[in-house]
Protein backbone atom coordinates (compact mmCIF):
# COMPACT_ATOMS: atom_id res chain seq x y z
CA MET A 1 -8.95 -16.97 -211.36
CA THR A 2 -7.78 -14.47 -214.27
CA TRP A 3 -4.41 -14.16 -215.29
CA ILE A 4 -5.51 -10.67 -216.82
CA GLU A 5 -5.37 -7.48 -214.40
CA LEU A 6 -8.50 -5.86 -214.83
CA PRO A 7 -9.46 -2.44 -212.94
CA ALA A 8 -11.46 -2.51 -210.26
CA ASP A 9 -15.27 -1.57 -210.99
CA ASP A 10 -15.17 1.78 -209.88
CA ALA A 11 -11.46 2.56 -210.99
CA THR A 12 -12.66 5.61 -212.87
CA PRO A 13 -16.05 7.69 -213.20
CA GLU A 14 -16.92 6.20 -216.44
CA LEU A 15 -16.20 2.23 -215.19
CA GLU A 16 -18.19 2.88 -212.18
CA ARG A 17 -21.07 4.30 -214.07
CA ALA A 18 -20.67 1.10 -216.43
CA THR A 19 -20.70 -1.12 -213.76
CA ARG A 20 -23.28 0.47 -211.31
CA SER A 21 -25.94 -1.72 -212.16
CA ARG A 22 -24.25 -5.22 -211.91
CA ARG A 23 -22.41 -4.49 -208.55
CA THR A 24 -25.60 -4.06 -206.56
CA SER A 25 -26.95 -7.44 -208.37
CA PRO A 26 -26.32 -10.60 -206.00
CA THR A 27 -24.44 -12.39 -209.19
CA GLY A 28 -22.00 -9.22 -209.74
CA LEU A 29 -20.37 -8.65 -213.17
CA ALA A 30 -20.05 -11.59 -215.06
CA HIS A 31 -16.42 -12.32 -215.81
CA VAL A 32 -16.77 -12.98 -219.42
CA VAL A 33 -18.08 -9.51 -219.75
CA GLY A 34 -15.89 -8.24 -217.18
CA ILE A 35 -12.98 -8.58 -219.43
CA LEU A 36 -14.35 -5.78 -221.11
CA LYS A 37 -13.67 -3.17 -218.14
CA PRO A 38 -10.59 -1.81 -219.77
CA ASN A 39 -12.94 -0.18 -222.50
CA PRO A 40 -15.97 1.11 -220.41
CA ARG A 41 -17.89 2.11 -223.52
CA ALA A 42 -17.53 -1.87 -225.05
CA LEU A 43 -18.53 -2.74 -221.73
CA ARG A 44 -22.00 -0.52 -221.54
CA ALA A 45 -22.49 -1.43 -225.20
CA VAL A 46 -21.97 -5.49 -224.44
CA MET A 47 -24.13 -5.15 -221.21
CA GLN A 48 -27.19 -3.41 -222.97
CA MET A 49 -27.15 -5.43 -226.02
CA ASN A 50 -27.38 -8.66 -223.46
CA GLN A 51 -29.95 -7.18 -221.56
CA ALA A 52 -32.03 -6.41 -224.99
CA VAL A 53 -31.69 -9.79 -226.25
CA THR A 54 -31.88 -11.73 -223.16
CA PHE A 55 -35.13 -9.97 -221.72
CA GLY A 56 -36.24 -7.81 -224.39
CA GLY A 57 -38.12 -9.83 -227.31
CA SER A 58 -40.85 -11.65 -225.55
CA SER A 59 -43.98 -11.14 -223.85
CA LEU A 60 -43.47 -13.61 -220.80
CA GLY A 61 -42.03 -11.01 -218.65
CA ARG A 62 -38.67 -11.12 -216.65
CA ARG A 63 -39.83 -13.40 -214.38
CA ARG A 64 -40.90 -16.29 -216.59
CA GLU A 65 -37.96 -16.06 -218.61
CA GLU A 66 -35.60 -16.26 -215.48
CA LEU A 67 -37.68 -19.29 -214.59
CA ILE A 68 -37.24 -21.00 -218.07
CA SER A 69 -33.57 -20.21 -218.18
CA SER A 70 -32.91 -21.60 -214.47
CA THR A 71 -35.01 -24.88 -215.45
CA VAL A 72 -33.13 -25.26 -219.07
CA SER A 73 -29.80 -24.84 -217.22
CA ALA A 74 -30.86 -27.17 -214.46
CA LEU A 75 -31.85 -29.59 -217.07
CA ASN A 76 -28.18 -29.28 -219.25
CA ASP A 77 -26.35 -29.52 -215.74
CA CYS A 78 -24.67 -25.80 -216.28
CA PHE A 79 -24.31 -24.71 -212.45
CA TYR A 80 -23.39 -20.95 -212.69
């Protein structure tokens, strides 16, 4: 539970556009990124950077990268 009041994902048209892709995801918007919701431009920039760094730098493909991430997380007892 957060102590900081954050706007809803669709509070403004700009915020709605910035969070649209994550609202349809089963995991939703990560809380560590959601803290940027008061600044939709910063939120969108961080989400784009995260996508590029996480899934844009290898030739393995997203499915294999997700499988590796899940395996490493399980081995490290990271449940999130």
